[in-house]
Protein backbone atom coordinates (compact mmCIF):
# COMPACT_ATOMS: atom_id res chain seq x y z
CA MET A 1 -2.45 26.46 3.78
CA LYS A 2 -4.91 24.43 1.71
CA TYR A 3 -5.18 20.70 2.49
CA ALA A 4 -6.66 17.90 0.45
CA LEU A 5 -7.12 14.10 1.10
CA ILE A 6 -6.91 11.67 -1.74
CA GLY A 7 -8.54 8.34 -0.64
CA CYS A 8 -11.44 8.26 1.85
CA GLY A 9 -11.15 4.53 3.04
CA ARG A 10 -10.44 2.87 6.28
CA ILE A 11 -7.53 5.27 7.40
CA ALA A 12 -9.13 8.44 6.20
CA PRO A 13 -10.74 9.52 9.47
CA ASN A 14 -7.42 9.63 11.13
CA HIS A 15 -6.10 11.93 8.58
CA ILE A 16 -9.08 14.31 8.75
CA LYS A 17 -8.90 14.34 12.48
CA ALA A 18 -5.30 15.34 12.28
CA ALA A 19 -5.94 17.99 9.70
CA LEU A 20 -8.84 19.56 11.74
CA ALA A 21 -6.61 19.44 14.83
CA ASN A 22 -4.13 21.67 12.89
CA ARG A 23 -6.57 24.29 11.92
CA GLY A 24 -4.77 26.61 14.50
CA SER A 25 -1.75 26.27 12.36
CA GLY A 26 -3.59 27.65 9.36
CA LEU A 27 -4.51 24.30 7.78
CA GLU A 28 -7.78 24.43 5.81
CA VAL A 29 -9.45 21.20 4.66
CA ALA A 30 -10.08 22.39 1.10
CA ALA A 31 -10.99 19.01 -0.72
CA ILE A 32 -11.42 15.30 -0.49
CA CYS A 33 -11.16 12.84 -3.23
CA ASP A 34 -12.24 9.24 -3.76
CA LEU A 35 -13.46 7.17 -6.74
CA ILE A 36 -16.48 6.15 -4.79
CA PRO A 37 -18.65 9.16 -3.94
CA GLU A 38 -20.43 7.52 -1.12
CA LYS A 39 -17.09 7.22 0.73
CA MET A 40 -16.68 10.96 0.45
CA THR A 41 -20.32 11.64 1.55
CA SER A 42 -19.82 9.41 4.62
CA LEU A 43 -16.50 11.13 5.58
CA ALA A 44 -17.80 14.51 5.09
CA GLY A 45 -20.98 13.90 7.15
CA LYS A 46 -18.86 12.38 10.07
CA PHE A 47 -16.56 15.44 10.25
CA ASP A 48 -19.13 18.20 9.27
CA LEU A 49 -17.26 18.88 5.91
CA GLY A 50 -20.27 20.02 4.08
CA SER A 51 -18.53 22.90 2.30
CA THR A 52 -15.40 21.03 1.46
CA ALA A 53 -15.03 20.35 -2.32
CA GLN A 54 -15.42 16.59 -3.37
CA TYR A 55 -13.83 15.10 -6.43
CA THR A 56 -13.74 11.57 -7.99
CA ASP A 57 -10.72 12.73 -10.09
CA TYR A 58 -7.58 13.65 -8.11
CA ARG A 59 -5.86 15.34 -11.06
CA ALA A 60 -8.91 17.60 -11.61
CA MET A 61 -8.74 18.40 -7.90
CA LEU A 62 -5.06 19.27 -8.16
CA ARG A 63 -5.85 21.68 -11.01
CA ASP A 64 -8.80 23.26 -9.51
CA VAL A 65 -7.86 23.54 -5.77
CA ARG A 66 -4.27 23.84 -5.95
CA PRO A 67 -3.49 22.44 -2.56
CA ASP A 68 -0.41 23.20 -0.57
CA LEU A 69 -0.43 19.83 1.25
CA VAL A 70 -1.98 16.64 0.07
CA ALA A 71 -2.28 13.24 1.96
CA VAL A 72 -2.27 10.19 -0.24
CA ALA A 73 -4.29 7.46 1.37
CA THR A 74 -5.32 5.39 -1.69
CA GLU A 75 -4.61 1.65 -2.10
CA SER A 76 -0.93 0.88 -1.53
CA GLY A 77 -0.08 0.23 -5.11
CA SER A 78 -1.08 3.70 -6.27
CA HIS A 79 0.80 5.59 -3.52
CA ALA A 80 3.87 6.45 -5.59
CA ALA A 81 2.00 7.35 -8.84
CA VAL A 82 -0.46 9.66 -7.05
CA ALA A 83 2.39 11.18 -5.00
CA LEU A 84 4.40 11.99 -8.15
CA ASP A 85 1.48 13.68 -9.63
CA CYS A 86 1.05 15.71 -6.55
CA ILE A 87 4.72 16.60 -6.42
CA ALA A 88 4.61 17.59 -10.13
CA ALA A 89 1.68 19.98 -9.34
CA GLY A 90 3.93 21.69 -6.66
CA CYS A 91 2.27 20.00 -3.59
CA ASN A 92 3.88 18.91 -0.39
CA VAL A 93 2.80 15.28 0.37
CA ILE A 94 2.14 12.95 3.28
CA ILE A 95 2.12 9.43 1.89
CA GLU A 96 0.49 6.64 3.71
CA LYS A 97 2.60 3.54 4.29
CA PRO A 98 4.06 1.96 2.34
CA ILE A 99 5.50 4.89 0.43
CA ALA A 100 5.60 2.59 -2.66
CA LEU A 101 5.57 -1.18 -3.57
CA SER A 102 8.97 -1.16 -5.31
CA MET A 103 12.39 0.39 -4.70
CA SER A 104 12.40 2.15 -8.09
CA ASP A 105 9.18 3.88 -7.40
CA ALA A 106 10.32 5.00 -4.00
CA ARG A 107 13.54 6.40 -5.47
CA LYS A 108 11.42 8.28 -8.07
CA VAL A 109 9.38 9.86 -5.30
CA ILE A 110 12.49 10.97 -3.39
CA ALA A 111 14.16 12.30 -6.54
CA ALA A 112 11.00 14.14 -7.55
CA ALA A 113 10.62 15.84 -4.14
CA GLU A 114 14.14 16.94 -4.10
CA ALA A 115 13.92 18.42 -7.62
CA ALA A 116 10.64 20.22 -6.80
CA GLY A 117 11.85 21.42 -3.33
CA VAL A 118 8.77 20.22 -1.65
CA VAL A 119 8.29 18.33 1.60
CA VAL A 120 7.39 14.69 1.44
CA SER A 121 6.76 12.69 4.55
CA ALA A 122 6.03 8.95 4.92
CA ASN A 123 3.12 8.49 7.22
CA HIS A 124 4.91 6.37 10.01
CA GLN A 125 2.95 8.04 12.65
CA ASN A 126 3.84 5.66 15.46
CA ARG A 127 7.21 7.27 15.72
CA PHE A 128 5.26 10.04 17.50
CA ASN A 129 3.67 7.96 20.02
CA ARG A 130 4.63 9.24 23.55
CA SER A 131 5.90 5.83 24.53
CA VAL A 132 8.16 5.63 21.44
CA GLN A 133 9.47 9.16 21.93
CA LEU A 134 10.29 8.31 25.52
CA ALA A 135 12.42 5.24 24.36
CA ARG A 136 14.00 7.27 21.49
CA HIS A 137 15.10 9.87 23.94
CA ALA A 138 16.64 7.28 26.17
CA GLU A 139 18.48 5.95 23.19
CA ASN A 140 19.75 9.25 21.82
CA ASP A 141 21.05 10.53 25.23
CA GLY A 142 22.91 7.24 25.84
CA SER A 143 20.90 6.08 28.78
CA LEU A 144 20.25 2.63 27.22
CA GLY A 145 23.95 2.12 26.52
CA ARG A 146 24.91 0.09 23.56
CA ILE A 147 21.83 -1.27 21.72
CA LEU A 148 22.35 -4.97 21.66
CA HIS A 149 19.19 -6.40 20.18
CA GLY A 150 15.42 -5.82 19.81
CA SER A 151 12.32 -7.40 18.42
CA VAL A 152 8.94 -6.47 17.21
CA HIS A 153 5.76 -8.66 17.45
CA VAL A 154 2.68 -7.61 15.59
CA ILE A 155 -0.06 -10.12 16.52
CA TRP A 156 -3.11 -8.95 14.74
CA GLY A 157 -6.16 -10.55 13.20
CA ARG A 158 -7.80 -9.92 9.70
CA ASP A 159 -10.76 -11.88 8.43
CA ARG A 160 -12.37 -12.41 5.08
CA LYS A 161 -14.69 -9.44 5.60
CA TYR A 162 -11.55 -7.27 5.93
CA TYR A 163 -10.04 -8.51 2.69
CA SER A 164 -13.35 -8.43 0.91
CA SER A 165 -13.65 -4.68 1.77
CA GLY A 166 -11.23 -3.92 -1.18
CA SER A 167 -10.26 -6.05 -4.07
CA TRP A 168 -6.72 -4.75 -3.84
CA ARG A 169 -6.11 -6.16 -0.29
CA GLY A 170 -3.68 -9.02 -0.04
CA THR A 171 -2.60 -8.78 -3.66
CA TRP A 172 0.94 -8.54 -4.85
CA ALA A 173 0.24 -5.77 -7.34
CA GLN A 174 -1.62 -3.37 -5.01
CA ASP A 175 -0.77 -4.35 -1.40
CA GLY A 176 1.44 -7.17 -0.35
CA GLY A 177 0.64 -9.28 2.89
CA ALA A 178 0.72 -8.85 6.51
CA LEU A 179 4.18 -7.58 6.71
CA MET A 180 3.81 -4.82 4.19
CA ASN A 181 0.34 -3.66 5.21
CA GLN A 182 -0.15 -4.36 8.91
CA CYS A 183 3.48 -4.75 10.21
CA ILE A 184 5.38 -2.17 8.46
CA HIS A 185 4.89 0.41 11.24
CA GLY A 186 6.36 -1.94 13.82
CA ILE A 187 9.18 -2.90 11.34
CA ASP A 188 9.94 0.81 10.82
CA LEU A 189 10.15 1.27 14.53
CA LEU A 190 12.52 -1.74 14.99
CA ARG A 191 14.78 -0.45 12.26
CA TRP A 192 14.86 3.09 13.52
CA MET A 193 15.38 2.22 17.13
CA LEU A 194 18.26 -0.29 16.36
CA GLY A 195 20.26 2.12 14.32
CA GLY A 196 18.50 1.99 10.93
CA GLU A 197 21.36 0.34 8.82
CA VAL A 198 20.41 -3.30 8.30
CA GLU A 199 23.05 -5.41 6.61
CA GLU A 200 21.54 -8.90 6.37
CA VAL A 201 18.02 -10.57 6.57
CA THR A 202 17.04 -14.13 7.02
CA ALA A 203 13.27 -14.71 6.86
CA MET A 204 10.43 -17.20 6.35
CA THR A 205 6.87 -16.29 5.26
CA ALA A 206 3.75 -18.27 4.74
CA ARG A 207 0.13 -18.06 3.85
CA LEU A 208 -1.51 -20.53 6.28
CA ASN A 209 -4.94 -19.15 7.09
CA HIS A 210 -6.08 -16.99 4.33
CA ASP A 211 -6.23 -19.04 1.06
CA TYR A 212 -8.28 -16.25 -0.65
CA ILE A 213 -5.36 -13.76 -0.76
CA GLU A 214 -2.20 -13.86 -2.77
CA ALA A 215 0.40 -12.82 -0.19
CA GLU A 216 1.61 -13.89 3.26
CA ASP A 217 -0.49 -13.83 6.49
CA LEU A 218 2.62 -14.76 8.58
CA GLY A 219 6.22 -13.63 8.47
CA MET A 220 9.27 -14.02 10.70
CA ALA A 221 12.77 -12.65 10.14
CA LEU A 222 16.19 -12.21 11.73
CA LEU A 223 18.15 -9.10 11.12
CA ARG A 224 21.76 -8.06 11.50
CA PHE A 225 22.51 -4.34 11.82
CA ARG A 226 25.62 -2.63 10.80
CA SER A 227 26.22 -1.66 14.50
CA GLY A 228 26.32 -5.49 15.38
CA ALA A 229 22.92 -5.41 17.02
CA LEU A 230 20.44 -8.25 16.04
CA GLY A 231 16.72 -7.89 15.53
CA MET A 232 13.73 -10.10 15.11
CA VAL A 233 10.43 -9.56 13.46
CA GLU A 234 7.15 -11.49 13.98
CA GLY A 235 4.18 -10.46 12.08
CA THR A 236 0.83 -12.18 11.60
CA VAL A 237 -2.85 -11.56 10.83
CA ASN A 238 -3.90 -15.01 11.83
CA THR A 239 -4.77 -14.23 15.41
CA TYR A 240 -8.22 -15.60 16.17
CA GLY A 241 -10.69 -13.38 17.94
CA ASN A 242 -9.02 -9.91 17.81
CA SER A 243 -5.83 -8.02 17.21
CA LEU A 244 -3.67 -8.48 20.33
CA GLU A 245 -0.62 -6.44 20.34
CA GLU A 246 2.20 -4.59 18.63
CA THR A 247 5.09 -5.04 21.00
CA LEU A 248 8.60 -3.53 20.69
CA TYR A 249 11.41 -4.74 22.75
CA ILE A 250 14.79 -2.74 23.11
CA PHE A 251 17.66 -4.33 24.90
CA GLY A 252 20.69 -2.05 25.64
CA SER A 253 23.72 -2.65 27.80
CA ASN A 254 22.32 -0.26 30.33
CA GLY A 255 18.65 -0.80 30.05
CA THR A 256 15.57 -2.70 28.87
CA VAL A 257 12.41 -1.30 27.42
CA LYS A 258 9.17 -2.90 26.45
CA LEU A 259 6.55 -0.97 24.55
CA GLY A 260 3.24 -2.67 24.07
CA GLY A 261 -0.47 -2.08 23.49
CA LYS A 262 -2.11 -2.25 20.03
CA ALA A 263 0.62 -0.06 18.41
CA ALA A 264 3.63 0.16 20.70
CA ASN A 265 1.84 2.99 22.42
CA LYS A 266 2.09 1.88 26.04
CA VAL A 267 5.20 1.67 28.16
CA GLU A 268 4.93 -1.86 29.76
CA PHE A 269 8.51 -2.32 31.11
CA TRP A 270 11.14 0.32 31.74
CA SER A 271 14.43 -0.49 33.50
CA ILE A 272 17.38 1.83 32.77
CA ALA A 273 20.47 2.54 34.96
CA GLY A 274 20.22 5.77 36.67
CA ASP A 275 16.55 6.30 35.84
CA ALA A 276 14.22 5.65 38.80
CA ARG A 277 11.12 5.78 36.74
CA THR A 278 9.13 2.68 36.19
CA ALA A 279 6.49 1.57 33.60
CA GLU A 280 3.85 2.71 36.05
CA ASP A 281 5.38 6.14 36.27
CA LEU A 282 5.22 6.41 32.51
CA ALA A 283 1.72 5.02 32.13
CA ASP A 284 -0.44 6.77 29.62
CA ALA A 285 -4.25 6.93 30.00
CA LEU A 286 -4.78 7.53 26.28
CA PRO A 287 -6.97 5.06 24.36
CA ASP A 288 -5.38 2.00 22.83
CA THR A 289 -5.72 1.88 19.02
CA ILE A 290 -4.10 -0.09 16.26
CA TYR A 291 -3.36 3.15 14.36
CA GLY A 292 -1.29 4.56 17.27
CA LEU A 293 -1.80 8.18 18.42
CA GLY A 294 0.69 10.13 16.19
CA HIS A 295 -1.28 11.34 13.17
CA THR A 296 -1.93 14.79 14.66
CA SER A 297 1.74 15.18 15.67
CA LEU A 298 2.97 14.07 12.29
CA TYR A 299 0.71 16.65 10.64
CA THR A 300 1.99 19.35 12.96
CA ASP A 301 5.56 18.46 12.16
CA VAL A 302 4.91 18.41 8.39
CA ILE A 303 3.19 21.74 8.60
CA ASP A 304 6.15 23.28 10.44
CA ALA A 305 8.69 21.69 8.03
CA ILE A 306 6.70 23.32 5.04
CA LYS A 307 6.70 26.75 6.81
CA THR A 308 10.49 26.63 7.93
CA GLY A 309 12.00 24.75 4.97
CA ARG A 310 13.46 21.95 7.06
CA ALA A 311 13.14 18.17 6.48
CA PRO A 312 10.18 16.52 8.18
CA TYR A 313 10.80 14.21 11.23
CA VAL A 314 9.74 11.20 9.15
CA THR A 315 11.26 11.57 5.51
CA ALA A 316 10.47 9.98 2.28
CA ARG A 317 13.78 8.21 2.58
CA ASP A 318 12.66 6.82 5.89
CA GLY A 319 9.59 5.35 4.09
CA MET A 320 11.89 3.83 1.46
CA GLU A 321 14.06 2.21 4.11
CA ALA A 322 10.91 0.60 5.84
CA LEU A 323 9.83 -0.60 2.31
CA GLU A 324 13.25 -1.98 1.67
CA LEU A 325 13.40 -4.07 4.78
CA VAL A 326 10.06 -5.63 4.07
CA LEU A 327 10.93 -6.35 0.47
CA ALA A 328 14.21 -7.93 1.79
CA ILE A 329 12.30 -10.17 4.06
CA TYR A 330 10.06 -11.20 1.15
CA LYS A 331 13.18 -11.91 -1.01
CA SER A 332 14.94 -13.89 1.66
CA ALA A 333 11.84 -15.99 2.29
CA ALA A 334 11.20 -16.61 -1.39
CA GLU A 335 14.87 -17.55 -2.30
CA GLY A 336 15.49 -19.51 1.02
CA ARG A 337 18.74 -17.66 1.81
CA PRO A 338 20.08 -14.62 3.66
CA VAL A 339 19.64 -11.36 1.68
CA LYS A 340 22.15 -8.52 1.91
CA LEU A 341 21.09 -4.89 1.94
CA PRO A 342 21.02 -2.36 0.31
CA LEU A 343 18.57 -3.81 -2.36
CA GLU A 344 18.96 -2.63 -5.88
CA ASP A 345 15.47 -2.97 -7.43
CA CYS A 346 12.86 -5.12 -5.90
CA SER A 347 9.09 -5.14 -6.05
CA THR A 348 6.14 -6.90 -4.51
CA LEU A 349 5.41 -8.10 -8.06
CA ASP A 350 8.57 -10.10 -7.99
CA PHE A 351 6.86 -12.47 -5.64
CA ALA A 352 3.56 -12.82 -7.59
CA GLY A 353 2.40 -16.43 -7.70
CA ARG A 354 4.57 -17.58 -4.78
CA PHE A 355 1.48 -18.82 -2.83
CA GLY A 356 -1.11 -18.64 -5.49
CA LEU A 357 -4.81 -18.11 -4.58
CA THR A 358 -5.19 -21.76 -3.40
CA ASP A 359 -2.71 -24.49 -2.38
């Protein structure tokens, strides 16, 4: 199975590591692509990909290499367009988060994948973290009882150097702000663990500490789920010194779970009726990373989905629903009112100029 990576930036090493870890499943890293040759050279050197083809034009790569599986890791604003070209070429696709920056583009990706009969997975790899899987199992088997409420807190830091590393970062056209870029993984986990179906969002966002970007650096939201559960989101890149945590709380009628670490990848509290295990019993010695530990597992799942014809564990629709929730938060904050879901069409571009570049 031939594999290609489009986009060799900050997240690219995680994709290459995952692809190489799945060589035993028959995955071959056939090509990498980026507009900047130096990025490809650096990535190839780091992972000894000397014989791997390199392209600055992904369309030429699709024609020449004809990969079976492509990962799209370009700037966020191009995810949907590149994915649609890959689907049109008959490729299965892993799309970095967010799957798109508008509801209409996300729906186009889903429709194209269904029409072409290919597998498309949104790269919400933190669903595969061991800690998250433990909590998901406890929810699915009823151990937690009725889910009452939950919250996610993404307390990270991003400085001027980070935003200067790509002119697209922090823009409405190509990125969005802290909630869309840094916090969408945690927002996806909260939505998923609390039943998925959000009915109403009330939110506030602000740009308090990064007057050189267009979008928000802080966002807070209250969510009402169809099940009756309530949720809360806190996301920021204003943390001085370092990224502190991505913490997910789940409160059920029969149990309480707290997942922490940099990417909800550590069990920090575990108290469930009938379950004698504690957080210490479930401790994981794996390294703490803001990217979580699930890329390899996500790749393994997608490869199996391609081979067996089933849906992937994280679908394109899952990616659209995470996008929808972030856009609903933006809309509520911008309009100063609660917003009902589902959204019709909404895009990050709808909020262009909200903060401006300077106050």
